[in-house]
C-alpha atoms as a PDB file:
ATOM      1  CA  MET A   1     118.413 184.529 159.319  1.00  0.00           C
ATOM      2  CA  THR A   2     120.696 182.866 161.639  1.00  0.00           C
ATOM      3  CA  HIS A   3     121.424 184.145 164.963  1.00  0.00           C
ATOM      4  CA  VAL A   4     125.033 184.797 164.168  1.00  0.00           C
ATOM      5  CA  GLU A   5     124.045 186.797 160.959  1.00  0.00           C
ATOM      6  CA  ASP A   6     121.528 188.952 162.669  1.00  0.00           C
ATOM      7  CA  GLU A   7     124.228 190.034 165.430  1.00  0.00           C
ATOM      8  CA  LEU A   8     127.106 190.208 163.149  1.00  0.00           C
ATOM      9  CA  SER A   9     124.919 192.280 161.183  1.00  0.00           C
ATOM     10  CA  SER A  10     124.206 194.766 164.089  1.00  0.00           C
ATOM     11  CA  GLN A  11     127.878 195.699 164.996  1.00  0.00           C
ATOM     12  CA  PRO A  12     127.906 198.998 163.369  1.00  0.00           C
ATOM     13  CA  GLU A  13     125.198 200.023 165.891  1.00  0.00           C
ATOM     14  CA  CYS A  14     126.671 198.331 168.858  1.00  0.00           C
ATOM     15  CA  TRP A  15     130.254 200.003 168.005  1.00  0.00           C
ATOM     16  CA  THR A  16     128.677 203.225 167.982  1.00  0.00           C
ATOM     17  CA  ARG A  17     126.572 203.014 171.417  1.00  0.00           C
ATOM     18  CA  ALA A  18     130.189 201.686 173.045  1.00  0.00           C
ATOM     19  CA  ALA A  19     132.162 204.737 171.705  1.00  0.00           C
ATOM     20  CA  SER A  20     129.536 206.969 173.148  1.00  0.00           C
ATOM     21  CA  GLU A  21     129.519 205.522 176.512  1.00  0.00           C
ATOM     22  CA  ALA A  22     133.290 205.128 176.807  1.00  0.00           C
ATOM     23  CA  ALA A  23     133.895 208.611 178.783  1.00  0.00           C
ATOM     24  CA  GLU A  24     130.995 207.443 181.469  1.00  0.00           C
ATOM     25  CA  TYR A  25     132.995 204.218 182.757  1.00  0.00           C
ATOM     26  CA  GLY A  26     136.169 206.791 184.197  1.00  0.00           C
ATOM     27  CA  GLU A  27     138.399 205.048 185.892  1.00  0.00           C
ATOM     28  CA  ALA A  28     136.487 201.603 185.397  1.00  0.00           C
ATOM     29  CA  LEU A  29     138.871 201.187 182.632  1.00  0.00           C
ATOM     30  CA  PRO A  30     142.835 201.429 182.576  1.00  0.00           C
ATOM     31  CA  VAL A  31     144.068 204.853 183.550  1.00  0.00           C
ATOM     32  CA  PRO A  32     147.222 206.084 181.926  1.00  0.00           C
ATOM     33  CA  GLY A  33     150.205 204.939 183.348  1.00  0.00           C
ATOM     34  CA  GLU A  34     148.948 201.678 184.947  1.00  0.00           C
ATOM     35  CA  ARG A  35     150.686 198.630 184.522  1.00  0.00           C
ATOM     36  CA  VAL A  36     147.612 196.352 183.131  1.00  0.00           C
ATOM     37  CA  ALA A  37     147.063 192.815 182.116  1.00  0.00           C
ATOM     38  CA  VAL A  38     143.903 192.282 179.996  1.00  0.00           C
ATOM     39  CA  VAL A  39     142.842 188.165 180.286  1.00  0.00           C
ATOM     40  CA  GLY A  40     140.139 186.125 178.266  1.00  0.00           C
ATOM     41  CA  CYS A  41     139.228 182.602 176.929  1.00  0.00           C
ATOM     42  CA  GLY A  42     138.587 181.835 173.087  1.00  0.00           C
ATOM     43  CA  THR A  43     137.468 184.736 171.290  1.00  0.00           C
ATOM     44  CA  SER A  44     137.974 187.040 174.259  1.00  0.00           C
ATOM     45  CA  TYR A  45     141.669 185.809 174.401  1.00  0.00           C
ATOM     46  CA  PHE A  46     142.085 187.220 170.889  1.00  0.00           C
ATOM     47  CA  MET A  47     140.503 190.518 171.625  1.00  0.00           C
ATOM     48  CA  ALA A  48     142.627 190.646 174.636  1.00  0.00           C
ATOM     49  CA  GLN A  49     145.938 190.520 172.603  1.00  0.00           C
ATOM     50  CA  SER A  50     144.374 193.100 170.147  1.00  0.00           C
ATOM     51  CA  ALA A  51     143.559 195.625 173.159  1.00  0.00           C
ATOM     52  CA  ALA A  52     146.883 195.137 174.873  1.00  0.00           C
ATOM     53  CA  ALA A  53     148.758 196.154 171.860  1.00  0.00           C
ATOM     54  CA  LEU A  54     146.818 199.165 171.267  1.00  0.00           C
ATOM     55  CA  ARG A  55     147.465 200.297 174.492  1.00  0.00           C
ATOM     56  CA  GLU A  56     150.987 200.104 175.105  1.00  0.00           C
ATOM     57  CA  GLY A  57     151.607 201.117 171.450  1.00  0.00           C
ATOM     58  CA  ALA A  58     149.136 204.343 172.203  1.00  0.00           C
ATOM     59  CA  GLY A  59     151.810 205.187 175.362  1.00  0.00           C
ATOM     60  CA  HIS A  60     149.487 204.710 178.023  1.00  0.00           C
ATOM     61  CA  GLY A  61     151.500 202.009 179.947  1.00  0.00           C
ATOM     62  CA  GLU A  62     152.700 198.354 179.988  1.00  0.00           C
ATOM     63  CA  THR A  63     150.032 195.642 178.919  1.00  0.00           C
ATOM     64  CA  ASP A  64     150.057 191.949 178.355  1.00  0.00           C
ATOM     65  CA  ALA A  65     147.301 189.892 177.136  1.00  0.00           C
ATOM     66  CA  PHE A  66     147.009 186.138 178.497  1.00  0.00           C
ATOM     67  CA  ALA A  67     144.459 183.229 178.137  1.00  0.00           C
ATOM     68  CA  ALA A  68     143.037 183.409 181.787  1.00  0.00           C
ATOM     69  CA  SER A  69     144.028 179.888 182.469  1.00  0.00           C
ATOM     70  CA  GLU A  70     147.801 180.961 181.896  1.00  0.00           C
ATOM     71  CA  PHE A  71     147.905 184.343 183.724  1.00  0.00           C
ATOM     72  CA  PRO A  72     151.317 184.403 185.336  1.00  0.00           C
ATOM     73  CA  TYR A  73     150.362 185.084 189.191  1.00  0.00           C
ATOM     74  CA  GLY A  74     153.868 185.807 190.372  1.00  0.00           C
ATOM     75  CA  ARG A  75     153.489 189.536 188.063  1.00  0.00           C
ATOM     76  CA  ALA A  76     152.775 192.539 189.699  1.00  0.00           C
ATOM     77  CA  TYR A  77     149.978 194.822 187.683  1.00  0.00           C
ATOM     78  CA  ASP A  78     148.209 197.709 188.661  1.00  0.00           C
ATOM     79  CA  ARG A  79     145.170 196.386 187.328  1.00  0.00           C
ATOM     80  CA  VAL A  80     143.702 193.310 185.528  1.00  0.00           C
ATOM     81  CA  VAL A  81     140.904 193.531 182.655  1.00  0.00           C
ATOM     82  CA  ALA A  82     138.785 190.322 182.041  1.00  0.00           C
ATOM     83  CA  LEU A  83     136.739 190.202 178.950  1.00  0.00           C
ATOM     84  CA  THR A  84     133.946 187.801 179.779  1.00  0.00           C
ATOM     85  CA  ARG A  85     130.915 187.346 177.166  1.00  0.00           C
ATOM     86  CA  SER A  86     128.786 185.204 179.547  1.00  0.00           C
ATOM     87  CA  GLY A  87     130.104 185.883 182.926  1.00  0.00           C
ATOM     88  CA  THR A  88     130.094 182.421 184.275  1.00  0.00           C
ATOM     89  CA  THR A  89     133.596 181.268 182.369  1.00  0.00           C
ATOM     90  CA  THR A  90     135.302 179.035 185.050  1.00  0.00           C
ATOM     91  CA  GLU A  91     139.048 180.095 184.506  1.00  0.00           C
ATOM     92  CA  ILE A  92     137.665 183.898 184.578  1.00  0.00           C
ATOM     93  CA  LEU A  93     135.997 183.497 187.612  1.00  0.00           C
ATOM     94  CA  ASP A  94     138.659 181.374 189.149  1.00  0.00           C
ATOM     95  CA  LEU A  95     141.613 184.347 188.385  1.00  0.00           C
ATOM     96  CA  LEU A  96     139.037 187.243 189.782  1.00  0.00           C
ATOM     97  CA  GLY A  97     138.925 185.257 192.841  1.00  0.00           C
ATOM     98  CA  ARG A  98     142.425 184.687 193.365  1.00  0.00           C
ATOM     99  CA  LEU A  99     143.303 188.638 192.683  1.00  0.00           C
ATOM    100  CA  THR A 100     140.912 189.775 195.221  1.00  0.00           C
ATOM    101  CA  GLY A 101     142.335 191.991 197.713  1.00  0.00           C
ATOM    102  CA  ARG A 102     145.856 191.751 195.676  1.00  0.00           C
ATOM    103  CA  ILE A 103     145.184 193.771 192.044  1.00  0.00           C
ATOM    104  CA  ARG A 104     142.294 195.987 190.811  1.00  0.00           C
ATOM    105  CA  THR A 105     140.222 194.333 188.705  1.00  0.00           C
ATOM    106  CA  THR A 106     137.813 194.766 185.839  1.00  0.00           C
ATOM    107  CA  ALA A 107     135.313 192.846 183.911  1.00  0.00           C
ATOM    108  CA  ILE A 108     134.083 193.703 180.901  1.00  0.00           C
ATOM    109  CA  THR A 109     130.648 191.045 180.365  1.00  0.00           C
ATOM    110  CA  ALA A 110     127.299 191.091 178.558  1.00  0.00           C
ATOM    111  CA  ASP A 111     124.951 189.671 181.272  1.00  0.00           C
ATOM    112  CA  PRO A 112     124.555 191.493 184.520  1.00  0.00           C
ATOM    113  CA  ARG A 113     122.841 188.803 186.057  1.00  0.00           C
ATOM    114  CA  THR A 114     126.142 186.566 186.277  1.00  0.00           C
ATOM    115  CA  PRO A 115     128.664 186.083 188.884  1.00  0.00           C
ATOM    116  CA  VAL A 116     131.230 187.816 187.067  1.00  0.00           C
ATOM    117  CA  MET A 117     129.233 190.691 188.792  1.00  0.00           C
ATOM    118  CA  GLU A 118     130.529 189.858 192.183  1.00  0.00           C
ATOM    119  CA  ALA A 119     134.042 188.883 191.203  1.00  0.00           C
ATOM    120  CA  ALA A 120     135.129 191.625 190.038  1.00  0.00           C
ATOM    121  CA  GLU A 121     136.093 195.229 191.274  1.00  0.00           C
ATOM    122  CA  ASP A 122     134.585 197.313 188.440  1.00  0.00           C
ATOM    123  CA  VAL A 123     132.103 196.089 186.076  1.00  0.00           C
ATOM    124  CA  VAL A 124     131.326 197.404 182.799  1.00  0.00           C
ATOM    125  CA  VAL A 125     128.135 195.924 180.934  1.00  0.00           C
ATOM    126  CA  LEU A 126     127.820 195.960 177.721  1.00  0.00           C
ATOM    127  CA  ASP A 127     124.173 194.163 177.475  1.00  0.00           C
ATOM    128  CA  PHE A 128     123.100 195.561 174.142  1.00  0.00           C
ATOM    129  CA  ALA A 129     125.922 193.698 172.675  1.00  0.00           C
ATOM    130  CA  ASP A 130     124.767 190.241 173.829  1.00  0.00           C
ATOM    131  CA  GLU A 131     124.161 187.094 171.736  1.00  0.00           C
ATOM    132  CA  ARG A 132     122.312 184.027 171.797  1.00  0.00           C
ATOM    133  CA  SER A 133     124.496 182.158 169.371  1.00  0.00           C
ATOM    134  CA  VAL A 134     127.245 180.252 170.287  1.00  0.00           C
ATOM    135  CA  VAL A 135     129.634 181.833 168.197  1.00  0.00           C
ATOM    136  CA  GLN A 136     130.839 185.422 169.413  1.00  0.00           C
ATOM    137  CA  THR A 137     130.902 188.416 167.073  1.00  0.00           C
ATOM    138  CA  ARG A 138     129.257 191.732 168.134  1.00  0.00           C
ATOM    139  CA  PHE A 139     130.336 191.184 171.723  1.00  0.00           C
ATOM    140  CA  ALA A 140     133.706 190.807 170.836  1.00  0.00           C
ATOM    141  CA  THR A 141     134.259 193.415 168.505  1.00  0.00           C
ATOM    142  CA  THR A 142     132.119 195.938 170.717  1.00  0.00           C
ATOM    143  CA  ALA A 143     134.419 195.275 173.695  1.00  0.00           C
ATOM    144  CA  LEU A 144     137.352 196.050 171.928  1.00  0.00           C
ATOM    145  CA  THR A 145     135.574 199.395 170.328  1.00  0.00           C
ATOM    146  CA  LEU A 146     134.810 200.420 173.981  1.00  0.00           C
ATOM    147  CA  LEU A 147     138.855 199.819 174.653  1.00  0.00           C
ATOM    148  CA  ARG A 148     139.688 201.552 171.087  1.00  0.00           C
ATOM    149  CA  ALA A 149     137.225 204.609 172.271  1.00  0.00           C
ATOM    150  CA  HIS A 150     138.770 204.795 175.667  1.00  0.00           C
ATOM    151  CA  LEU A 151     141.853 205.174 174.385  1.00  0.00           C
ATOM    152  CA  GLY A 152     141.045 207.909 171.987  1.00  0.00           C
ATOM    153  CA  LEU A 153     141.549 205.576 168.623  1.00  0.00           C
ATOM    154  CA  HIS A 154     138.045 204.754 167.525  1.00  0.00           C
ATOM    155  CA  THR A 155     136.530 207.298 164.678  1.00  0.00           C
ATOM    156  CA  GLU A 156     133.176 207.229 162.747  1.00  0.00           C
ATOM    157  CA  SER A 157     135.221 205.940 159.767  1.00  0.00           C
ATOM    158  CA  VAL A 158     135.509 202.776 161.820  1.00  0.00           C
ATOM    159  CA  VAL A 159     131.665 202.396 161.852  1.00  0.00           C
ATOM    160  CA  ALA A 160     131.603 203.447 158.055  1.00  0.00           C
ATOM    161  CA  ASP A 161     134.063 200.763 157.187  1.00  0.00           C
ATOM    162  CA  ALA A 162     131.936 198.015 159.355  1.00  0.00           C
ATOM    163  CA  ARG A 163     128.856 198.958 157.367  1.00  0.00           C
ATOM    164  CA  THR A 164     131.214 198.232 153.860  1.00  0.00           C
ATOM    165  CA  ALA A 165     132.136 195.314 155.227  1.00  0.00           C
ATOM    166  CA  LEU A 166     128.176 194.003 155.801  1.00  0.00           C
ATOM    167  CA  THR A 167     127.471 195.374 152.161  1.00  0.00           C
ATOM    168  CA  GLY A 168     130.198 194.527 149.929  1.00  0.00           C
ATOM    169  CA  PRO A 169     130.281 191.285 148.246  1.00  0.00           C
ATOM    170  CA  LEU A 170     133.385 188.685 149.188  1.00  0.00           C
ATOM    171  CA  PRO A 171     135.801 187.896 147.033  1.00  0.00           C
ATOM    172  CA  GLU A 172     135.021 185.670 143.896  1.00  0.00           C
ATOM    173  CA  GLY A 173     136.080 182.417 144.637  1.00  0.00           C
ATOM    174  CA  LEU A 174     136.627 182.611 148.396  1.00  0.00           C
ATOM    175  CA  VAL A 175     133.936 180.528 149.947  1.00  0.00           C
ATOM    176  CA  ASP A 176     134.764 177.440 147.774  1.00  0.00           C
ATOM    177  CA  CYS A 177     138.504 177.759 149.154  1.00  0.00           C
ATOM    178  CA  THR A 178     139.258 174.490 150.892  1.00  0.00           C
ATOM    179  CA  GLN A 179     141.826 176.191 153.815  1.00  0.00           C
ATOM    180  CA  PHE A 180     142.095 179.780 154.894  1.00  0.00           C
ATOM    181  CA  THR A 181     145.234 181.639 156.562  1.00  0.00           C
ATOM    182  CA  PHE A 182     144.630 184.935 158.477  1.00  0.00           C
ATOM    183  CA  LEU A 183     147.597 187.503 158.813  1.00  0.00           C
ATOM    184  CA  GLY A 184     148.249 190.227 161.078  1.00  0.00           C
ATOM    185  CA  ARG A 185     150.550 192.900 162.229  1.00  0.00           C
ATOM    186  CA  GLY A 186     150.739 194.335 165.463  1.00  0.00           C
ATOM    187  CA  TRP A 187     147.269 194.714 167.064  1.00  0.00           C
ATOM    188  CA  THR A 188     146.016 192.894 164.279  1.00  0.00           C
ATOM    189  CA  VAL A 189     147.496 189.640 164.982  1.00  0.00           C
ATOM    190  CA  GLY A 190     145.130 188.946 167.705  1.00  0.00           C
ATOM    191  CA  LEU A 191     142.038 189.739 165.097  1.00  0.00           C
ATOM    192  CA  ALA A 192     143.702 187.166 162.490  1.00  0.00           C
ATOM    193  CA  TYR A 193     143.503 184.711 165.213  1.00  0.00           C
ATOM    194  CA  GLU A 194     139.900 185.516 165.817  1.00  0.00           C
ATOM    195  CA  ALA A 195     139.420 185.281 161.990  1.00  0.00           C
ATOM    196  CA  GLY A 196     140.765 182.252 161.965  1.00  0.00           C
ATOM    197  CA  LEU A 197     138.543 180.639 164.950  1.00  0.00           C
ATOM    198  CA  LYS A 198     135.593 181.820 163.570  1.00  0.00           C
ATOM    199  CA  MET A 199     136.315 179.675 160.416  1.00  0.00           C
ATOM    200  CA  ARG A 200     136.972 176.894 162.450  1.00  0.00           C
ATOM    201  CA  GLU A 201     133.871 177.286 164.920  1.00  0.00           C
ATOM    202  CA  ALA A 202     131.286 178.400 162.145  1.00  0.00           C
ATOM    203  CA  SER A 203     132.530 176.028 159.326  1.00  0.00           C
ATOM    204  CA  LEU A 204     134.529 173.260 160.609  1.00  0.00           C
ATOM    205  CA  SER A 205     136.853 174.818 157.770  1.00  0.00           C
ATOM    206  CA  TRP A 206     141.116 174.037 157.910  1.00  0.00           C
ATOM    207  CA  SER A 207     141.912 177.708 159.079  1.00  0.00           C
ATOM    208  CA  GLU A 208     145.218 179.232 160.277  1.00  0.00           C
ATOM    209  CA  ALA A 209     146.685 182.613 161.615  1.00  0.00           C
ATOM    210  CA  TYR A 210     149.889 184.267 162.013  1.00  0.00           C
ATOM    211  CA  PRO A 211     151.677 187.330 162.374  1.00  0.00           C
ATOM    212  CA  ALA A 212     152.197 188.325 158.807  1.00  0.00           C
ATOM    213  CA  MET A 213     156.356 188.082 158.745  1.00  0.00           C
ATOM    214  CA  GLU A 214     156.013 184.346 160.257  1.00  0.00           C
ATOM    215  CA  TYR A 215     154.039 183.192 157.479  1.00  0.00           C
ATOM    216  CA  ARG A 216     157.257 183.032 155.704  1.00  0.00           C
ATOM    217  CA  HIS A 217     158.849 180.887 158.049  1.00  0.00           C
ATOM    218  CA  GLY A 218     156.816 177.615 156.784  1.00  0.00           C
ATOM    219  CA  PRO A 219     153.546 178.442 156.995  1.00  0.00           C
ATOM    220  CA  ILE A 220     153.058 179.359 153.496  1.00  0.00           C
ATOM    221  CA  SER A 221     154.234 175.879 152.459  1.00  0.00           C
ATOM    222  CA  VAL A 222     150.424 174.854 152.570  1.00  0.00           C
ATOM    223  CA  THR A 223     149.519 177.602 150.226  1.00  0.00           C
ATOM    224  CA  THR A 224     148.335 176.658 146.598  1.00  0.00           C
ATOM    225  CA  HIS A 225     145.560 176.708 144.182  1.00  0.00           C
ATOM    226  CA  GLY A 226     142.211 176.609 146.257  1.00  0.00           C
ATOM    227  CA  THR A 227     143.450 178.013 149.501  1.00  0.00           C
ATOM    228  CA  ALA A 228     143.310 181.619 150.356  1.00  0.00           C
ATOM    229  CA  THR A 229     145.444 183.939 152.557  1.00  0.00           C
ATOM    230  CA  TRP A 230     143.553 187.121 154.018  1.00  0.00           C
ATOM    231  CA  MET A 231     145.688 189.963 155.094  1.00  0.00           C
ATOM    232  CA  ILE A 232     144.262 191.951 158.120  1.00  0.00           C
ATOM    233  CA  GLY A 233     145.888 195.291 158.007  1.00  0.00           C
ATOM    234  CA  GLU A 234     148.960 196.597 156.112  1.00  0.00           C
ATOM    235  CA  ALA A 235     150.637 193.651 154.228  1.00  0.00           C
ATOM    236  CA  PRO A 236     154.503 193.766 154.473  1.00  0.00           C
ATOM    237  CA  GLY A 237     156.310 194.326 151.117  1.00  0.00           C
ATOM    238  CA  GLN A 238     156.261 191.654 148.468  1.00  0.00           C
ATOM    239  CA  LEU A 239     153.907 189.384 150.549  1.00  0.00           C
ATOM    240  CA  ALA A 240     151.006 189.527 148.294  1.00  0.00           C
ATOM    241  CA  GLU A 241     153.013 188.840 145.249  1.00  0.00           C
ATOM    242  CA  GLN A 242     154.599 185.787 146.802  1.00  0.00           C
ATOM    243  CA  VAL A 243     151.293 184.509 147.860  1.00  0.00           C
ATOM    244  CA  ARG A 244     150.040 184.777 144.164  1.00  0.00           C
ATOM    245  CA  GLU A 245     153.375 182.749 143.034  1.00  0.00           C
ATOM    246  CA  THR A 246     151.735 179.973 145.205  1.00  0.00           C
ATOM    247  CA  GLY A 247     148.509 179.872 142.967  1.00  0.00           C
ATOM    248  CA  GLY A 248     146.775 180.994 146.441  1.00  0.00           C
ATOM    249  CA  LEU A 249     144.088 183.506 146.591  1.00  0.00           C
ATOM    250  CA  TRP A 250     145.210 186.597 148.250  1.00  0.00           C
ATOM    251  CA  VAL A 251     142.712 188.848 149.984  1.00  0.00           C
ATOM    252  CA  SER A 252     143.932 192.354 150.742  1.00  0.00           C
ATOM    253  CA  GLY A 253     142.534 194.085 153.901  1.00  0.00           C
ATOM    254  CA  THR A 254     141.447 197.414 152.660  1.00  0.00           C
ATOM    255  CA  LEU A 255     139.024 198.592 155.590  1.00  0.00           C
ATOM    256  CA  ASP A 256     140.014 199.526 158.842  1.00  0.00           C
ATOM    257  CA  PRO A 257     141.255 195.980 160.546  1.00  0.00           C
ATOM    258  CA  LEU A 258     138.095 195.508 162.975  1.00  0.00           C
ATOM    259  CA  ALA A 259     135.604 195.988 159.985  1.00  0.00           C
ATOM    260  CA  GLU A 260     138.118 193.350 158.169  1.00  0.00           C
ATOM    261  CA  LEU A 261     137.200 191.158 161.045  1.00  0.00           C
ATOM    262  CA  VAL A 262     133.499 191.620 160.223  1.00  0.00           C
ATOM    263  CA  ARG A 263     134.235 190.487 156.489  1.00  0.00           C
ATOM    264  CA  ALA A 264     135.872 187.432 158.069  1.00  0.00           C
ATOM    265  CA  GLN A 265     132.966 186.402 160.070  1.00  0.00           C
ATOM    266  CA  ARG A 266     130.476 186.995 156.850  1.00  0.00           C
ATOM    267  CA  LEU A 267     132.911 184.367 155.453  1.00  0.00           C
ATOM    268  CA  ALA A 268     132.669 181.722 158.068  1.00  0.00           C
ATOM    269  CA  VAL A 269     128.969 182.205 158.060  1.00  0.00           C
ATOM    270  CA  ALA A 270     128.891 181.251 154.034  1.00  0.00           C
ATOM    271  CA  VAL A 271     131.433 178.557 154.105  1.00  0.00           C
ATOM    272  CA  ALA A 272     129.154 177.123 156.791  1.00  0.00           C
ATOM    273  CA  GLN A 273     125.802 177.486 154.774  1.00  0.00           C
ATOM    274  CA  ALA A 274     127.465 176.291 151.618  1.00  0.00           C
ATOM    275  CA  ARG A 275     128.598 172.838 153.427  1.00  0.00           C
ATOM    276  CA  GLY A 276     124.971 172.601 154.852  1.00  0.00           C
ATOM    277  CA  LEU A 277     126.375 173.439 158.494  1.00  0.00           C
ATOM    278  CA  ASP A 278     124.328 175.346 161.005  1.00  0.00           C
ATOM    279  CA  PRO A 279     127.103 178.011 162.261  1.00  0.00           C
ATOM    280  CA  ASP A 280     124.556 178.900 165.458  1.00  0.00           C
ATOM    281  CA  ARG A 281     125.327 175.493 166.755  1.00  0.00           C
ATOM    282  CA  PRO A 282     128.977 174.641 166.070  1.00  0.00           C
ATOM    283  CA  ARG A 283     130.281 171.127 166.971  1.00  0.00           C
ATOM    284  CA  HIS A 284     131.130 170.428 170.445  1.00  0.00           C
ATOM    285  CA  LEU A 285     130.554 174.103 171.723  1.00  0.00           C
ATOM    286  CA  THR A 286     128.820 175.644 174.474  1.00  0.00           C
ATOM    287  CA  ARG A 287     128.183 179.250 174.866  1.00  0.00           C
ATOM    288  CA  SER A 288     130.029 179.313 178.007  1.00  0.00           C
ATOM    289  CA  VAL A 289     133.047 177.253 179.427  1.00  0.00           C
ATOM    290  CA  ILE A 290     132.166 176.035 183.195  1.00  0.00           C
ATOM    291  CA  LEU A 291     134.328 173.166 183.898  1.00  0.00           C
ATOM    292  CA  THR A 292     133.240 170.732 187.218  1.00  0.00           C
ATOM    293  CA  PRO A 293     135.615 169.933 189.711  1.00  0.00           C
END
């Protein structure tokens, strides 16, 4: 078993622990009424998008999401939350350093032995969700679970769906597809982006991701026999039928959207293995991006 297979299969246990510990962090996490920005890089940026949409949608306060390298320093926030598995990513550390003394900062990380521990005012360590694989799976979803639980949006049914995602068969013919499109709505748009990234990283697949309604504004033109379109969350009316009319494979998201992401992670590994690739060693990637001056 690869590292990424082992790590993605442990997600139900990681989510349960994160949810049970969420209340312990108190004001280290955003409190209702704060104006918040959530930042990250790569996978963590997509989780930031989902977290921001969930928080604002739940009425806890205006919440934005940014890639750390694109943070708008001219805006006023009460708190910035940085998601960083490694705790060493250059853009995250630069951002936190520039915000010191100006805006309260919280880092959610997996490694307590890294520079982010000193760079952020508050730190949440999810070391039980750390990973050996370059490809992120359980840290990202566990961090999002922590934030869902903090908002009162996590239930045991989410964990049950994750177990189903790990044991149920993937749709017939899906592994053999040549192109994959993932769609989301609201907070699941970030999950769709992440699913597309997993396919590119682990299996070198041609994959794309869009807000569901944007898919009809051009991207559906690539859909045909041998391609797949996967909806994470509830699909807009008639979209499934329109995809089937192209000859493409339509995949419905029937589980909790975060559990659907687990299914997409499984697909990425399965496609990689079918193509003779090692999903633990994606091409041109490292566990942390550290830029030299």
